[in-house]
Amino acid sequence: MLLEMYISYSPRCTSRAYAVWSPNNSSAYTKTTLKDGIFNVKAFNLNENCIIILALYKDGLLVETQQMEYDKTDVIFYADKEFDSAKVMVWKDSQSQIPLTDTEDVVIP
């Protein structure tokens, strides 16, 4: 994993620092399809036992999250709430919250 630190200074001697996390395996990714409220997540170049997370949003607000452990098969999620956008993330495990892929913005048909 790569952590980039950025520090900016203003004329009033204030500073801002922020970090950008990048996955350590840039070849790992997800490809998610959505049909009739069912999300089918295909994962590529990932090891078993990582956590795949679905986040659903309505008007920019988080309305639901679901997660499942990856076992080298497609992961299926069923949407329970009304949403207008969705993201899929892959974390090393549920405790460390270390990202293994870039966040996927799911295409909503």
Protein backbone atom coordinates (compact mmCIF):
# COMPACT_ATOMS: atom_id res chain seq x y z
CA MET A 1 0.00 0.00 0.00
CA LEU A 2 1.17 3.48 -0.79
CA LEU A 3 0.45 6.44 1.46
CA GLU A 4 1.09 9.83 -0.04
CA MET A 5 1.25 12.83 2.28
CA TYR A 6 0.54 16.33 1.08
CA ILE A 7 1.21 19.49 3.05
CA SER A 8 0.20 22.94 1.88
CA TYR A 9 1.02 26.27 3.45
CA SER A 10 -0.87 29.53 3.25
CA PRO A 11 0.46 33.09 3.62
CA ARG A 12 -1.03 33.23 7.14
CA CYS A 13 1.30 30.43 8.28
CA THR A 14 -1.44 27.86 8.51
CA SER A 15 -0.88 24.44 7.08
CA ARG A 16 -3.02 21.57 5.92
CA ALA A 17 -1.99 17.95 5.68
CA TYR A 18 -3.93 15.15 4.12
CA ALA A 19 -3.19 11.60 3.05
CA VAL A 20 -4.15 9.65 -0.03
CA TRP A 21 -4.26 5.88 0.28
CA SER A 22 -3.48 3.86 -2.82
CA PRO A 23 -3.90 0.10 -3.06
CA ASN A 24 -0.70 -1.90 -3.04
CA ASN A 25 -1.88 -4.21 -5.82
CA SER A 26 -2.88 -2.05 -8.75
CA SER A 27 -3.78 -5.15 -10.82
CA ALA A 28 -6.59 -6.10 -8.42
CA TYR A 29 -10.03 -4.72 -9.26
CA THR A 30 -13.76 -5.40 -9.22
CA LYS A 31 -16.35 -5.30 -11.97
CA THR A 32 -19.94 -5.03 -10.74
CA THR A 33 -23.18 -5.40 -12.61
CA LEU A 34 -26.64 -4.44 -11.35
CA LYS A 35 -29.91 -5.96 -12.52
CA ASP A 36 -33.29 -5.88 -10.74
CA GLY A 37 -31.72 -4.71 -7.46
CA ILE A 38 -29.13 -7.51 -7.46
CA PHE A 39 -25.44 -6.60 -7.50
CA ASN A 40 -23.06 -9.20 -8.93
CA VAL A 41 -19.45 -8.41 -7.99
CA LYS A 42 -16.66 -10.13 -9.89
CA ALA A 43 -13.22 -9.71 -8.33
CA PHE A 44 -9.93 -10.09 -10.17
CA ASN A 45 -6.41 -10.77 -8.83
CA LEU A 46 -7.50 -10.94 -5.18
CA ASN A 47 -6.75 -13.48 -2.49
CA GLU A 48 -9.45 -15.22 -0.50
CA ASN A 49 -10.69 -13.87 2.83
CA CYS A 50 -10.63 -10.19 1.94
CA ILE A 51 -13.86 -8.23 2.49
CA ILE A 52 -15.99 -6.91 -0.36
CA ILE A 53 -18.17 -3.98 0.65
CA LEU A 54 -21.18 -2.47 -1.11
CA ALA A 55 -22.15 1.09 -0.19
CA LEU A 56 -25.48 2.51 -1.38
CA TYR A 57 -26.20 6.24 -1.55
CA LYS A 58 -29.34 8.34 -2.04
CA ASP A 59 -28.93 12.04 -2.84
CA GLY A 60 -25.26 11.82 -1.78
CA LEU A 61 -26.02 10.30 1.64
CA LEU A 62 -25.00 6.81 2.68
CA VAL A 63 -28.17 4.74 3.17
CA GLU A 64 -26.86 1.18 3.43
CA THR A 65 -23.70 -0.92 3.56
CA GLN A 66 -23.29 -4.64 3.13
CA GLN A 67 -20.16 -6.76 3.27
CA MET A 68 -19.14 -10.32 2.50
CA GLU A 69 -15.93 -12.29 2.72
CA TYR A 70 -14.49 -13.10 -0.70
CA ASP A 71 -14.01 -16.82 -1.43
CA LYS A 72 -12.91 -16.68 -5.10
CA THR A 73 -16.53 -16.77 -6.34
CA ASP A 74 -18.79 -13.93 -7.45
CA VAL A 75 -20.27 -11.99 -4.54
CA ILE A 76 -24.00 -11.25 -4.69
CA PHE A 77 -25.67 -8.38 -2.81
CA TYR A 78 -29.39 -7.57 -2.68
CA ALA A 79 -30.37 -3.91 -2.35
CA ASP A 80 -32.78 -3.39 0.56
CA LYS A 81 -32.99 0.41 0.39
CA GLU A 82 -33.77 2.96 -2.28
CA PHE A 83 -30.53 4.28 -3.86
CA ASP A 84 -29.31 6.35 -6.78
CA SER A 85 -25.59 5.49 -6.68
CA ALA A 86 -23.41 2.65 -5.41
CA LYS A 87 -19.75 1.92 -4.74
CA VAL A 88 -17.84 -1.31 -4.22
CA MET A 89 -14.69 -1.46 -2.10
CA VAL A 90 -12.33 -4.29 -1.18
CA TRP A 91 -10.57 -4.25 2.18
CA LYS A 92 -7.91 -6.59 3.52
CA ASP A 93 -10.21 -7.45 6.45
CA SER A 94 -12.95 -5.85 8.51
CA GLN A 95 -10.59 -4.87 11.32
CA SER A 96 -7.77 -3.06 9.50
CA GLN A 97 -9.84 -1.34 6.79
CA ILE A 98 -6.87 -1.38 4.42
CA PRO A 99 -8.05 -0.96 0.80
CA LEU A 100 -6.87 -3.57 -1.72
CA THR A 101 -8.44 -2.00 -4.83
CA ASP A 102 -9.59 1.37 -6.02
CA THR A 103 -13.22 2.13 -5.20
CA GLU A 104 -15.53 1.10 -8.03
CA ASP A 105 -18.39 3.43 -8.94
CA VAL A 106 -21.14 1.04 -10.03
CA VAL A 107 -22.99 1.92 -13.21
CA ILE A 108 -26.69 2.33 -12.42
CA PRO A 109 -28.74 1.38 -15.52
